[in-house]
Amino acid sequence: MMYIRNLHIHDHMLYYSMMIIFQILGFLLVYVASPNVSLQMEIVIINSGLYIFWASLHHYFHHDLHPKIVLEYVLVGFLGIIMTFFLFQLGK
């Protein structure tokens, strides 16, 4: 059973790797733009949109894209945006 799970992860490694790269790049860009809060929020919004797009694309190519899955990714993306917004408000 463990071999099957590892094979499944191996099949999706490109998607997972790219997602990690996108998120790390987003964090780095937010850090570099640190004096400019509005630019940081724009980067977070773009990064969340990229997260939603990439995750949905992954499910589309593997033929398991459903409205519930897209809704989940949209809600997680918006949660990230809202959390970042409130963290920036606390920092003022």
PDB file of N, CA and C in Angstrom:
ATOM      1  N   MET A   1       0.824  -1.203   0.000  1.00  0.00           N
ATOM      2  CA  MET A   1       0.000   0.000   0.000  1.00  0.00           C
ATOM      3  C   MET A   1       0.859   1.254   0.000  1.00  0.00           C
ATOM      4  N   MET A   2       1.951   1.239   0.744  1.00  0.00           N
ATOM      5  CA  MET A   2       2.824   2.410   0.813  1.00  0.00           C
ATOM      6  C   MET A   2       3.446   2.694  -0.549  1.00  0.00           C
ATOM      7  N   TYR A   3       3.775   1.641  -1.293  1.00  0.00           N
ATOM      8  CA  TYR A   3       4.351   1.822  -2.624  1.00  0.00           C
ATOM      9  C   TYR A   3       3.371   2.551  -3.538  1.00  0.00           C
ATOM     10  N   ILE A   4       2.099   2.231  -3.454  1.00  0.00           N
ATOM     11  CA  ILE A   4       1.087   2.882  -4.295  1.00  0.00           C
ATOM     12  C   ILE A   4       0.993   4.364  -3.958  1.00  0.00           C
ATOM     13  N   ARG A   5       1.030   4.694  -2.674  1.00  0.00           N
ATOM     14  CA  ARG A   5       0.977   6.109  -2.284  1.00  0.00           C
ATOM     15  C   ARG A   5       2.178   6.870  -2.811  1.00  0.00           C
ATOM     16  N   ASN A   6       3.373   6.293  -2.695  1.00  0.00           N
ATOM     17  CA  ASN A   6       4.567   6.960  -3.194  1.00  0.00           C
ATOM     18  C   ASN A   6       4.513   7.132  -4.704  1.00  0.00           C
ATOM     19  N   LEU A   7       3.965   6.158  -5.421  1.00  0.00           N
ATOM     20  CA  LEU A   7       3.817   6.251  -6.865  1.00  0.00           C
ATOM     21  C   LEU A   7       2.867   7.392  -7.217  1.00  0.00           C
ATOM     22  N   HIS A   8       1.790   7.535  -6.455  1.00  0.00           N
ATOM     23  CA  HIS A   8       0.823   8.613  -6.691  1.00  0.00           C
ATOM     24  C   HIS A   8       1.482   9.975  -6.495  1.00  0.00           C
ATOM     25  N   ILE A   9       2.263  10.121  -5.448  1.00  0.00           N
ATOM     26  CA  ILE A   9       2.962  11.389  -5.202  1.00  0.00           C
ATOM     27  C   ILE A   9       3.967  11.646  -6.315  1.00  0.00           C
ATOM     28  N   HIS A  10       4.650  10.613  -6.751  1.00  0.00           N
ATOM     29  CA  HIS A  10       5.635  10.762  -7.823  1.00  0.00           C
ATOM     30  C   HIS A  10       4.975  11.252  -9.115  1.00  0.00           C
ATOM     31  N   ASP A  11       3.771  10.778  -9.393  1.00  0.00           N
ATOM     32  CA  ASP A  11       3.059  11.195 -10.603  1.00  0.00           C
ATOM     33  C   ASP A  11       2.702  12.677 -10.585  1.00  0.00           C
ATOM     34  N   HIS A  12       2.558  13.244  -9.409  1.00  0.00           N
ATOM     35  CA  HIS A  12       2.125  14.633  -9.277  1.00  0.00           C
ATOM     36  C   HIS A  12       3.247  15.556  -8.801  1.00  0.00           C
ATOM     37  N   MET A  13       4.474  15.079  -8.803  1.00  0.00           N
ATOM     38  CA  MET A  13       5.590  15.837  -8.251  1.00  0.00           C
ATOM     39  C   MET A  13       5.802  17.178  -8.965  1.00  0.00           C
ATOM     40  N   LEU A  14       5.584  17.224 -10.269  1.00  0.00           N
ATOM     41  CA  LEU A  14       5.743  18.488 -10.995  1.00  0.00           C
ATOM     42  C   LEU A  14       4.769  19.541 -10.464  1.00  0.00           C
ATOM     43  N   TYR A  15       3.530  19.156 -10.268  1.00  0.00           N
ATOM     44  CA  TYR A  15       2.534  20.110  -9.774  1.00  0.00           C
ATOM     45  C   TYR A  15       2.871  20.577  -8.365  1.00  0.00           C
ATOM     46  N   TYR A  16       3.259  19.629  -7.499  1.00  0.00           N
ATOM     47  CA  TYR A  16       3.584  19.984  -6.121  1.00  0.00           C
ATOM     48  C   TYR A  16       4.829  20.869  -6.074  1.00  0.00           C
ATOM     49  N   SER A  17       5.824  20.541  -6.857  1.00  0.00           N
ATOM     50  CA  SER A  17       7.058  21.325  -6.879  1.00  0.00           C
ATOM     51  C   SER A  17       6.801  22.751  -7.355  1.00  0.00           C
ATOM     52  N   MET A  18       6.023  22.869  -8.415  1.00  0.00           N
ATOM     53  CA  MET A  18       5.717  24.207  -8.929  1.00  0.00           C
ATOM     54  C   MET A  18       4.899  25.005  -7.918  1.00  0.00           C
ATOM     55  N   MET A  19       3.981  24.360  -7.229  1.00  0.00           N
ATOM     56  CA  MET A  19       3.183  25.049  -6.218  1.00  0.00           C
ATOM     57  C   MET A  19       4.074  25.564  -5.098  1.00  0.00           C
ATOM     58  N   ILE A  20       5.022  24.758  -4.666  1.00  0.00           N
ATOM     59  CA  ILE A  20       5.947  25.192  -3.618  1.00  0.00           C
ATOM     60  C   ILE A  20       6.800  26.349  -4.111  1.00  0.00           C
ATOM     61  N   ILE A  21       7.274  26.274  -5.343  1.00  0.00           N
ATOM     62  CA  ILE A  21       8.083  27.353  -5.911  1.00  0.00           C
ATOM     63  C   ILE A  21       7.272  28.645  -5.990  1.00  0.00           C
ATOM     64  N   PHE A  22       6.007  28.559  -6.442  1.00  0.00           N
ATOM     65  CA  PHE A  22       5.156  29.752  -6.518  1.00  0.00           C
ATOM     66  C   PHE A  22       4.963  30.385  -5.144  1.00  0.00           C
ATOM     67  N   GLN A  23       4.722  29.551  -4.132  1.00  0.00           N
ATOM     68  CA  GLN A  23       4.473  30.079  -2.794  1.00  0.00           C
ATOM     69  C   GLN A  23       5.732  30.704  -2.197  1.00  0.00           C
ATOM     70  N   ILE A  24       6.874  30.053  -2.366  1.00  0.00           N
ATOM     71  CA  ILE A  24       8.129  30.613  -1.856  1.00  0.00           C
ATOM     72  C   ILE A  24       8.457  31.919  -2.566  1.00  0.00           C
ATOM     73  N   LEU A  25       8.263  31.958  -3.865  1.00  0.00           N
ATOM     74  CA  LEU A  25       8.489  33.190  -4.621  1.00  0.00           C
ATOM     75  C   LEU A  25       7.558  34.297  -4.138  1.00  0.00           C
ATOM     76  N   GLY A  26       6.301  33.957  -3.867  1.00  0.00           N
ATOM     77  CA  GLY A  26       5.360  34.937  -3.341  1.00  0.00           C
ATOM     78  C   GLY A  26       5.803  35.491  -1.999  1.00  0.00           C
ATOM     79  N   PHE A  27       6.236  34.604  -1.089  1.00  0.00           N
ATOM     80  CA  PHE A  27       6.725  35.060   0.208  1.00  0.00           C
ATOM     81  C   PHE A  27       7.942  35.957   0.066  1.00  0.00           C
ATOM     82  N   LEU A  28       8.856  35.583  -0.814  1.00  0.00           N
ATOM     83  CA  LEU A  28      10.052  36.407  -1.027  1.00  0.00           C
ATOM     84  C   LEU A  28       9.693  37.781  -1.596  1.00  0.00           C
ATOM     85  N   LEU A  29       8.764  37.812  -2.544  1.00  0.00           N
ATOM     86  CA  LEU A  29       8.355  39.097  -3.111  1.00  0.00           C
ATOM     87  C   LEU A  29       7.666  39.978  -2.071  1.00  0.00           C
ATOM     88  N   VAL A  30       6.872  39.380  -1.203  1.00  0.00           N
ATOM     89  CA  VAL A  30       6.239  40.149  -0.124  1.00  0.00           C
ATOM     90  C   VAL A  30       7.308  40.695   0.810  1.00  0.00           C
ATOM     91  N   TYR A  31       8.316  39.904   1.107  1.00  0.00           N
ATOM     92  CA  TYR A  31       9.404  40.355   1.973  1.00  0.00           C
ATOM     93  C   TYR A  31      10.179  41.508   1.337  1.00  0.00           C
ATOM     94  N   VAL A  32      10.473  41.402   0.053  1.00  0.00           N
ATOM     95  CA  VAL A  32      11.234  42.446  -0.648  1.00  0.00           C
ATOM     96  C   VAL A  32      10.437  43.745  -0.719  1.00  0.00           C
ATOM     97  N   ALA A  33       9.114  43.622  -0.852  1.00  0.00           N
ATOM     98  CA  ALA A  33       8.250  44.808  -0.962  1.00  0.00           C
ATOM     99  C   ALA A  33       7.805  45.307   0.407  1.00  0.00           C
ATOM    100  N   SER A  34       8.521  44.952   1.471  1.00  0.00           N
ATOM    101  CA  SER A  34       8.065  45.197   2.838  1.00  0.00           C
ATOM    102  C   SER A  34       7.703  46.638   3.189  1.00  0.00           C
ATOM    103  N   PRO A  35       8.347  47.669   2.684  1.00  0.00           N
ATOM    104  CA  PRO A  35       7.879  49.001   3.095  1.00  0.00           C
ATOM    105  C   PRO A  35       6.535  49.391   2.467  1.00  0.00           C
ATOM    106  N   ASN A  36       6.156  48.766   1.377  1.00  0.00           N
ATOM    107  CA  ASN A  36       4.964  49.161   0.628  1.00  0.00           C
ATOM    108  C   ASN A  36       3.850  48.129   0.843  1.00  0.00           C
ATOM    109  N   VAL A  37       2.934  48.436   1.780  1.00  0.00           N
ATOM    110  CA  VAL A  37       1.889  47.488   2.148  1.00  0.00           C
ATOM    111  C   VAL A  37       0.923  47.240   0.994  1.00  0.00           C
ATOM    112  N   SER A  38       0.604  48.250   0.220  1.00  0.00           N
ATOM    113  CA  SER A  38      -0.331  48.035  -0.887  1.00  0.00           C
ATOM    114  C   SER A  38       0.281  47.120  -1.954  1.00  0.00           C
ATOM    115  N   LEU A  39       1.570  47.259  -2.212  1.00  0.00           N
ATOM    116  CA  LEU A  39       2.247  46.357  -3.152  1.00  0.00           C
ATOM    117  C   LEU A  39       2.288  44.935  -2.587  1.00  0.00           C
ATOM    118  N   GLN A  40       2.504  44.817  -1.292  1.00  0.00           N
ATOM    119  CA  GLN A  40       2.497  43.504  -0.672  1.00  0.00           C
ATOM    120  C   GLN A  40       1.136  42.830  -0.837  1.00  0.00           C
ATOM    121  N   MET A  41       0.068  43.595  -0.636  1.00  0.00           N
ATOM    122  CA  MET A  41      -1.271  43.023  -0.794  1.00  0.00           C
ATOM    123  C   MET A  41      -1.526  42.612  -2.242  1.00  0.00           C
ATOM    124  N   GLU A  42      -1.050  43.409  -3.190  1.00  0.00           N
ATOM    125  CA  GLU A  42      -1.203  43.034  -4.601  1.00  0.00           C
ATOM    126  C   GLU A  42      -0.473  41.724  -4.894  1.00  0.00           C
ATOM    127  N   ILE A  43       0.709  41.561  -4.320  1.00  0.00           N
ATOM    128  CA  ILE A  43       1.475  40.335  -4.523  1.00  0.00           C
ATOM    129  C   ILE A  43       0.731  39.147  -3.912  1.00  0.00           C
ATOM    130  N   VAL A  44       0.160  39.337  -2.736  1.00  0.00           N
ATOM    131  CA  VAL A  44      -0.592  38.257  -2.076  1.00  0.00           C
ATOM    132  C   VAL A  44      -1.818  37.879  -2.908  1.00  0.00           C
ATOM    133  N   ILE A  45      -2.512  38.868  -3.455  1.00  0.00           N
ATOM    134  CA  ILE A  45      -3.693  38.601  -4.274  1.00  0.00           C
ATOM    135  C   ILE A  45      -3.298  37.849  -5.553  1.00  0.00           C
ATOM    136  N   ILE A  46      -2.226  38.285  -6.188  1.00  0.00           N
ATOM    137  CA  ILE A  46      -1.746  37.598  -7.395  1.00  0.00           C
ATOM    138  C   ILE A  46      -1.304  36.172  -7.052  1.00  0.00           C
ATOM    139  N   ASN A  47      -0.611  36.024  -5.939  1.00  0.00           N
ATOM    140  CA  ASN A  47      -0.155  34.699  -5.523  1.00  0.00           C
ATOM    141  C   ASN A  47      -1.342  33.784  -5.220  1.00  0.00           C
ATOM    142  N   SER A  48      -2.385  34.313  -4.607  1.00  0.00           N
ATOM    143  CA  SER A  48      -3.578  33.511  -4.334  1.00  0.00           C
ATOM    144  C   SER A  48      -4.285  33.119  -5.632  1.00  0.00           C
ATOM    145  N   GLY A  49      -4.348  34.048  -6.579  1.00  0.00           N
ATOM    146  CA  GLY A  49      -4.936  33.736  -7.876  1.00  0.00           C
ATOM    147  C   GLY A  49      -4.150  32.664  -8.601  1.00  0.00           C
ATOM    148  N   LEU A  50      -2.831  32.752  -8.512  1.00  0.00           N
ATOM    149  CA  LEU A  50      -1.981  31.730  -9.126  1.00  0.00           C
ATOM    150  C   LEU A  50      -2.181  30.375  -8.452  1.00  0.00           C
ATOM    151  N   TYR A  51      -2.345  30.387  -7.144  1.00  0.00           N
ATOM    152  CA  TYR A  51      -2.622  29.156  -6.398  1.00  0.00           C
ATOM    153  C   TYR A  51      -3.922  28.512  -6.871  1.00  0.00           C
ATOM    154  N   ILE A  52      -4.967  29.310  -7.001  1.00  0.00           N
ATOM    155  CA  ILE A  52      -6.273  28.801  -7.448  1.00  0.00           C
ATOM    156  C   ILE A  52      -6.171  28.260  -8.866  1.00  0.00           C
ATOM    157  N   PHE A  53      -5.510  29.018  -9.739  1.00  0.00           N
ATOM    158  CA  PHE A  53      -5.364  28.601 -11.135  1.00  0.00           C
ATOM    159  C   PHE A  53      -4.567  27.305 -11.253  1.00  0.00           C
ATOM    160  N   TRP A  54      -3.412  27.245 -10.578  1.00  0.00           N
ATOM    161  CA  TRP A  54      -2.536  26.089 -10.720  1.00  0.00           C
ATOM    162  C   TRP A  54      -3.179  24.825 -10.146  1.00  0.00           C
ATOM    163  N   ALA A  55      -3.834  24.956  -9.004  1.00  0.00           N
ATOM    164  CA  ALA A  55      -4.488  23.802  -8.391  1.00  0.00           C
ATOM    165  C   ALA A  55      -5.658  23.319  -9.261  1.00  0.00           C
ATOM    166  N   SER A  56      -6.422  24.250  -9.794  1.00  0.00           N
ATOM    167  CA  SER A  56      -7.542  23.872 -10.666  1.00  0.00           C
ATOM    168  C   SER A  56      -7.035  23.225 -11.954  1.00  0.00           C
ATOM    169  N   LEU A  57      -5.965  23.758 -12.492  1.00  0.00           N
ATOM    170  CA  LEU A  57      -5.364  23.186 -13.699  1.00  0.00           C
ATOM    171  C   LEU A  57      -4.891  21.755 -13.440  1.00  0.00           C
ATOM    172  N   HIS A  58      -4.295  21.548 -12.297  1.00  0.00           N
ATOM    173  CA  HIS A  58      -3.848  20.210 -11.918  1.00  0.00           C
ATOM    174  C   HIS A  58      -5.017  19.225 -11.909  1.00  0.00           C
ATOM    175  N   HIS A  59      -6.119  19.601 -11.302  1.00  0.00           N
ATOM    176  CA  HIS A  59      -7.279  18.714 -11.257  1.00  0.00           C
ATOM    177  C   HIS A  59      -7.920  18.560 -12.635  1.00  0.00           C
ATOM    178  N   TYR A  60      -7.885  19.603 -13.432  1.00  0.00           N
ATOM    179  CA  TYR A  60      -8.440  19.524 -14.784  1.00  0.00           C
ATOM    180  C   TYR A  60      -7.687  18.483 -15.615  1.00  0.00           C
ATOM    181  N   PHE A  61      -6.369  18.516 -15.549  1.00  0.00           N
ATOM    182  CA  PHE A  61      -5.578  17.570 -16.342  1.00  0.00           C
ATOM    183  C   PHE A  61      -5.722  16.134 -15.848  1.00  0.00           C
ATOM    184  N   HIS A  62      -6.062  15.964 -14.593  1.00  0.00           N
ATOM    185  CA  HIS A  62      -6.238  14.613 -14.050  1.00  0.00           C
ATOM    186  C   HIS A  62      -7.697  14.201 -13.988  1.00  0.00           C
ATOM    187  N   HIS A  63      -8.550  14.951 -14.666  1.00  0.00           N
ATOM    188  CA  HIS A  63      -9.965  14.617 -14.873  1.00  0.00           C
ATOM    189  C   HIS A  63     -10.757  14.457 -13.573  1.00  0.00           C
ATOM    190  N   ASP A  64     -10.409  15.224 -12.567  1.00  0.00           N
ATOM    191  CA  ASP A  64     -11.205  15.176 -11.339  1.00  0.00           C
ATOM    192  C   ASP A  64     -11.539  16.588 -10.845  1.00  0.00           C
ATOM    193  N   LEU A  65     -11.730  17.498 -11.792  1.00  0.00           N
ATOM    194  CA  LEU A  65     -12.095  18.870 -11.444  1.00  0.00           C
ATOM    195  C   LEU A  65     -13.613  18.946 -11.281  1.00  0.00           C
ATOM    196  N   HIS A  66     -14.027  19.345 -10.082  1.00  0.00           N
ATOM    197  CA  HIS A  66     -15.440  19.487  -9.761  1.00  0.00           C
ATOM    198  C   HIS A  66     -15.659  20.854  -9.122  1.00  0.00           C
ATOM    199  N   PRO A  67     -16.858  21.378  -9.178  1.00  0.00           N
ATOM    200  CA  PRO A  67     -17.124  22.693  -8.570  1.00  0.00           C
ATOM    201  C   PRO A  67     -16.752  22.760  -7.090  1.00  0.00           C
ATOM    202  N   LYS A  68     -16.934  21.673  -6.355  1.00  0.00           N
ATOM    203  CA  LYS A  68     -16.569  21.671  -4.936  1.00  0.00           C
ATOM    204  C   LYS A  68     -15.066  21.862  -4.751  1.00  0.00           C
ATOM    205  N   ILE A  69     -14.284  21.268  -5.624  1.00  0.00           N
ATOM    206  CA  ILE A  69     -12.828  21.396  -5.530  1.00  0.00           C
ATOM    207  C   ILE A  69     -12.409  22.831  -5.829  1.00  0.00           C
ATOM    208  N   VAL A  70     -12.982  23.409  -6.873  1.00  0.00           N
ATOM    209  CA  VAL A  70     -12.659  24.795  -7.214  1.00  0.00           C
ATOM    210  C   VAL A  70     -13.078  25.719  -6.070  1.00  0.00           C
ATOM    211  N   LEU A  71     -14.259  25.498  -5.509  1.00  0.00           N
ATOM    212  CA  LEU A  71     -14.728  26.312  -4.390  1.00  0.00           C
ATOM    213  C   LEU A  71     -13.774  26.208  -3.206  1.00  0.00           C
ATOM    214  N   GLU A  72     -13.286  25.020  -2.947  1.00  0.00           N
ATOM    215  CA  GLU A  72     -12.327  24.841  -1.852  1.00  0.00           C
ATOM    216  C   GLU A  72     -11.071  25.676  -2.084  1.00  0.00           C
ATOM    217  N   TYR A  73     -10.529  25.626  -3.286  1.00  0.00           N
ATOM    218  CA  TYR A  73      -9.319  26.395  -3.577  1.00  0.00           C
ATOM    219  C   TYR A  73      -9.582  27.902  -3.534  1.00  0.00           C
ATOM    220  N   VAL A  74     -10.736  28.326  -4.011  1.00  0.00           N
ATOM    221  CA  VAL A  74     -11.085  29.747  -3.953  1.00  0.00           C
ATOM    222  C   VAL A  74     -11.203  30.198  -2.496  1.00  0.00           C
ATOM    223  N   LEU A  75     -11.845  29.398  -1.666  1.00  0.00           N
ATOM    224  CA  LEU A  75     -11.997  29.767  -0.254  1.00  0.00           C
ATOM    225  C   LEU A  75     -10.653  29.809   0.466  1.00  0.00           C
ATOM    226  N   VAL A  76      -9.778  28.857   0.181  1.00  0.00           N
ATOM    227  CA  VAL A  76      -8.447  28.869   0.797  1.00  0.00           C
ATOM    228  C   VAL A  76      -7.652  30.084   0.316  1.00  0.00           C
ATOM    229  N   GLY A  77      -7.762  30.408  -0.974  1.00  0.00           N
ATOM    230  CA  GLY A  77      -7.082  31.595  -1.493  1.00  0.00           C
ATOM    231  C   GLY A  77      -7.576  32.871  -0.832  1.00  0.00           C
ATOM    232  N   PHE A  78      -8.899  32.997  -0.694  1.00  0.00           N
ATOM    233  CA  PHE A  78      -9.457  34.180  -0.030  1.00  0.00           C
ATOM    234  C   PHE A  78      -9.100  34.214   1.450  1.00  0.00           C
ATOM    235  N   LEU A  79      -9.026  33.060   2.086  1.00  0.00           N
ATOM    236  CA  LEU A  79      -8.618  33.008   3.486  1.00  0.00           C
ATOM    237  C   LEU A  79      -7.201  33.547   3.645  1.00  0.00           C
ATOM    238  N   GLY A  80      -6.315  33.173   2.736  1.00  0.00           N
ATOM    239  CA  GLY A  80      -4.951  33.689   2.763  1.00  0.00           C
ATOM    240  C   GLY A  80      -4.909  35.192   2.588  1.00  0.00           C
ATOM    241  N   ILE A  81      -5.724  35.712   1.673  1.00  0.00           N
ATOM    242  CA  ILE A  81      -5.777  37.160   1.443  1.00  0.00           C
ATOM    243  C   ILE A  81      -6.299  37.874   2.685  1.00  0.00           C
ATOM    244  N   ILE A  82      -7.375  37.361   3.257  1.00  0.00           N
ATOM    245  CA  ILE A  82      -7.987  38.000   4.423  1.00  0.00           C
ATOM    246  C   ILE A  82      -7.042  37.951   5.620  1.00  0.00           C
ATOM    247  N   MET A  83      -6.387  36.825   5.837  1.00  0.00           N
ATOM    248  CA  MET A  83      -5.444  36.722   6.952  1.00  0.00           C
ATOM    249  C   MET A  83      -4.288  37.703   6.784  1.00  0.00           C
ATOM    250  N   THR A  84      -3.776  37.806   5.582  1.00  0.00           N
ATOM    251  CA  THR A  84      -2.679  38.744   5.318  1.00  0.00           C
ATOM    252  C   THR A  84      -3.133  40.178   5.540  1.00  0.00           C
ATOM    253  N   PHE A  85      -4.328  40.508   5.056  1.00  0.00           N
ATOM    254  CA  PHE A  85      -4.863  41.851   5.240  1.00  0.00           C
ATOM    255  C   PHE A  85      -4.924  42.209   6.730  1.00  0.00           C
ATOM    256  N   PHE A  86      -5.484  41.313   7.526  1.00  0.00           N
ATOM    257  CA  PHE A  86      -5.612  41.601   8.956  1.00  0.00           C
ATOM    258  C   PHE A  86      -4.260  41.630   9.657  1.00  0.00           C
ATOM    259  N   LEU A  87      -3.310  40.805   9.224  1.00  0.00           N
ATOM    260  CA  LEU A  87      -1.972  40.882   9.792  1.00  0.00           C
ATOM    261  C   LEU A  87      -1.312  42.224   9.487  1.00  0.00           C
ATOM    262  N   PHE A  88      -1.524  42.728   8.282  1.00  0.00           N
ATOM    263  CA  PHE A  88      -0.967  44.033   7.937  1.00  0.00           C
ATOM    264  C   PHE A  88      -1.649  45.142   8.732  1.00  0.00           C
ATOM    265  N   GLN A  89      -2.942  44.998   8.997  1.00  0.00           N
ATOM    266  CA  GLN A  89      -3.656  45.998   9.791  1.00  0.00           C
ATOM    267  C   GLN A  89      -3.164  45.999  11.235  1.00  0.00           C
ATOM    268  N   LEU A  90      -2.839  44.821  11.771  1.00  0.00           N
ATOM    269  CA  LEU A  90      -2.309  44.755  13.122  1.00  0.00           C
ATOM    270  C   LEU A  90      -0.920  45.373  13.234  1.00  0.00           C
ATOM    271  N   GLY A  91      -0.173  45.325  12.129  1.00  0.00           N
ATOM    272  CA  GLY A  91       1.175  45.860  12.122  1.00  0.00           C
ATOM    273  C   GLY A  91       1.262  47.368  12.035  1.00  0.00           C
ATOM    274  N   LYS A  92       0.142  48.016  11.782  1.00  0.00           N
ATOM    275  CA  LYS A  92       0.167  49.492  11.669  1.00  0.00           C
ATOM    276  C   LYS A  92       0.257  50.152  13.001  1.00  0.00           C
TER     277      LYS A  92
END
